[in-house]
């Protein structure tokens, strides 16, 4: 019964995100377009320094997530912990299964879906491996 209720909870939580997504896909692009008429946006390269500095958000959030889940994950070893953390990071952004599946279902060829999503996954993969191996290195260094 507990697992059933957890599944129901996951469904309800996911549906709220889906409803918001559908609402924003239907309404938000037109609204943004109307608000942006006559406004010139800076090219992304112009804000590269702010983008670089604020990228720390990814690293801090990943370290906090690993810290909170470490007792469970590290039991599998650093390699598997890194893989599981990668899956968590990707799944939290619906990039593990949902996005590749949706990319394929809307008509992208499979090879395009694979390349497109592997590149999207690189950040999560690198964050996870650097976080797990780095955190464990720091732990070992300061626990002796």
Protein backbone atom coordinates (compact mmCIF):
# COMPACT_ATOMS: atom_id res chain seq x y z
CA UNK A 1 0.00 0.00 0.00
CA UNK A 2 2.86 2.36 0.83
CA UNK A 3 4.43 1.98 -2.62
CA UNK A 4 1.07 2.44 -4.29
CA UNK A 5 0.53 5.69 -2.39
CA UNK A 6 4.05 6.85 -3.31
CA UNK A 7 3.23 6.11 -6.95
CA UNK A 8 0.01 8.12 -6.66
CA UNK A 9 2.00 10.96 -5.09
CA UNK A 10 4.51 10.86 -7.97
CA UNK A 11 1.67 10.91 -10.50
CA UNK A 12 0.01 13.91 -8.83
CA UNK A 13 3.29 15.80 -8.54
CA UNK A 14 4.14 15.05 -12.18
CA UNK A 15 0.71 16.02 -13.42
CA UNK A 16 1.03 19.46 -11.86
CA UNK A 17 4.21 20.01 -13.84
CA UNK A 18 2.54 18.67 -16.98
CA UNK A 19 -0.44 21.00 -16.57
CA UNK A 20 1.85 24.00 -16.11
CA UNK A 21 3.87 22.88 -19.16
CA UNK A 22 0.78 22.55 -21.37
CA UNK A 23 -0.53 25.92 -20.18
CA UNK A 24 2.75 27.67 -20.86
CA UNK A 25 3.19 26.03 -24.29
CA UNK A 26 -0.25 27.21 -25.34
CA UNK A 27 -0.18 30.72 -23.90
CA UNK A 28 3.33 31.84 -23.00
CA UNK A 29 5.07 32.04 -26.42
CA UNK A 30 2.46 34.42 -27.84
CA UNK A 31 2.52 36.54 -24.68
CA UNK A 32 6.32 36.77 -24.73
CA UNK A 33 6.28 37.63 -28.42
CA UNK A 34 3.83 40.47 -27.81
CA UNK A 35 5.89 41.79 -24.89
CA UNK A 36 9.13 41.70 -26.86
CA UNK A 37 7.98 43.72 -29.86
CA UNK A 38 10.45 46.52 -30.43
CA UNK A 39 12.88 45.27 -27.77
CA UNK A 40 16.38 44.21 -28.78
CA UNK A 41 17.92 41.32 -26.85
CA UNK A 42 21.68 41.04 -26.25
CA UNK A 43 23.42 38.11 -27.93
CA UNK A 44 24.23 35.40 -25.40
CA UNK A 45 27.97 35.96 -25.87
CA UNK A 46 27.52 39.47 -24.43
CA UNK A 47 26.52 38.03 -21.06
CA UNK A 48 29.14 35.27 -20.96
CA UNK A 49 30.77 36.51 -17.75
CA UNK A 50 27.50 36.57 -15.83
CA UNK A 51 26.62 33.18 -17.34
CA UNK A 52 29.99 31.79 -16.25
CA UNK A 53 29.70 33.13 -12.71
CA UNK A 54 26.10 32.03 -12.20
CA UNK A 55 26.88 28.53 -13.51
CA UNK A 56 28.04 27.86 -9.93
CA UNK A 57 24.35 27.21 -9.24
CA UNK A 58 24.67 23.82 -10.98
CA UNK A 59 27.69 22.82 -8.94
CA UNK A 60 26.31 23.93 -5.59
CA UNK A 61 22.96 22.20 -6.16
CA UNK A 62 24.69 19.00 -7.26
CA UNK A 63 26.96 18.96 -4.22
CA UNK A 64 24.00 19.58 -1.89
CA UNK A 65 22.00 16.81 -3.57
CA UNK A 66 24.95 14.41 -3.31
CA UNK A 67 25.54 15.38 0.32
CA UNK A 68 21.90 14.63 1.14
CA UNK A 69 21.89 11.30 -0.73
CA UNK A 70 25.51 10.30 -0.08
CA UNK A 71 24.85 7.71 2.64
CA UNK A 72 22.66 5.74 0.23
CA UNK A 73 24.66 6.30 -2.96
CA UNK A 74 28.22 5.71 -1.78
CA UNK A 75 27.33 2.16 -0.72
CA UNK A 76 27.38 1.31 -4.44
CA UNK A 77 30.88 2.69 -4.92
CA UNK A 78 31.99 5.93 -6.56
CA UNK A 79 31.38 4.86 -10.15
CA UNK A 80 27.82 3.65 -9.60
CA UNK A 81 27.10 6.59 -7.27
CA UNK A 82 28.16 8.91 -10.10
CA UNK A 83 25.89 7.12 -12.55
CA UNK A 84 22.92 7.18 -10.17
CA UNK A 85 23.50 10.87 -9.42
CA UNK A 86 23.63 11.55 -13.18
CA UNK A 87 20.31 9.77 -13.66
CA UNK A 88 18.77 11.76 -10.80
CA UNK A 89 19.98 15.08 -12.22
CA UNK A 90 18.75 14.26 -15.71
CA UNK A 91 15.43 12.86 -14.50
CA UNK A 92 14.78 15.91 -12.32
CA UNK A 93 14.85 17.94 -15.52
CA UNK A 94 12.90 15.29 -17.49
CA UNK A 95 15.96 14.85 -19.68
CA UNK A 96 16.65 11.18 -18.99
CA UNK A 97 13.65 9.48 -20.63
CA UNK A 98 10.98 12.09 -21.35
CA UNK A 99 12.91 14.54 -23.51
CA UNK A 100 14.59 11.98 -25.76
CA UNK A 101 11.28 10.14 -26.16
CA UNK A 102 9.41 13.35 -26.99
CA UNK A 103 12.14 14.39 -29.45
CA UNK A 104 11.72 11.05 -31.21
CA UNK A 105 7.91 11.05 -31.13
CA UNK A 106 7.68 14.49 -32.74
CA UNK A 107 9.60 13.17 -35.72
CA UNK A 108 13.33 13.59 -35.15
CA UNK A 109 15.35 10.70 -36.60
CA UNK A 110 16.80 8.40 -33.94
CA UNK A 111 20.41 9.37 -34.68
CA UNK A 112 19.52 13.06 -34.23
CA UNK A 113 17.75 12.29 -30.94
CA UNK A 114 20.77 10.39 -29.67
CA UNK A 115 23.33 13.06 -30.60
CA UNK A 116 21.11 15.92 -29.43
CA UNK A 117 20.43 14.36 -26.05
CA UNK A 118 23.91 13.01 -25.39
CA UNK A 119 25.16 16.58 -25.65
CA UNK A 120 22.41 17.71 -23.26
CA UNK A 121 23.43 14.93 -20.88
CA UNK A 122 27.11 15.91 -20.82
CA UNK A 123 26.62 18.59 -18.17
CA UNK A 124 24.84 16.19 -15.83
CA UNK A 125 27.38 13.44 -16.44
CA UNK A 126 30.37 15.70 -15.81
CA UNK A 127 28.75 17.35 -12.78
CA UNK A 128 27.98 13.99 -11.22
CA UNK A 129 31.37 12.40 -11.75
CA UNK A 130 33.29 15.50 -10.65
CA UNK A 131 31.03 15.89 -7.61
CA UNK A 132 31.18 12.27 -6.43
CA UNK A 133 34.88 11.69 -7.06
CA UNK A 134 35.81 15.18 -5.84
CA UNK A 135 33.66 14.97 -2.71
CA UNK A 136 35.03 11.55 -1.83
CA UNK A 137 38.61 12.75 -2.41
CA UNK A 138 38.03 15.71 -0.08
CA UNK A 139 36.36 13.45 2.51
CA UNK A 140 39.29 11.01 2.44
CA UNK A 141 41.84 13.81 2.67
CA UNK A 142 40.25 15.46 5.69
CA UNK A 143 39.10 12.32 7.53
CA UNK A 144 42.65 11.07 8.07
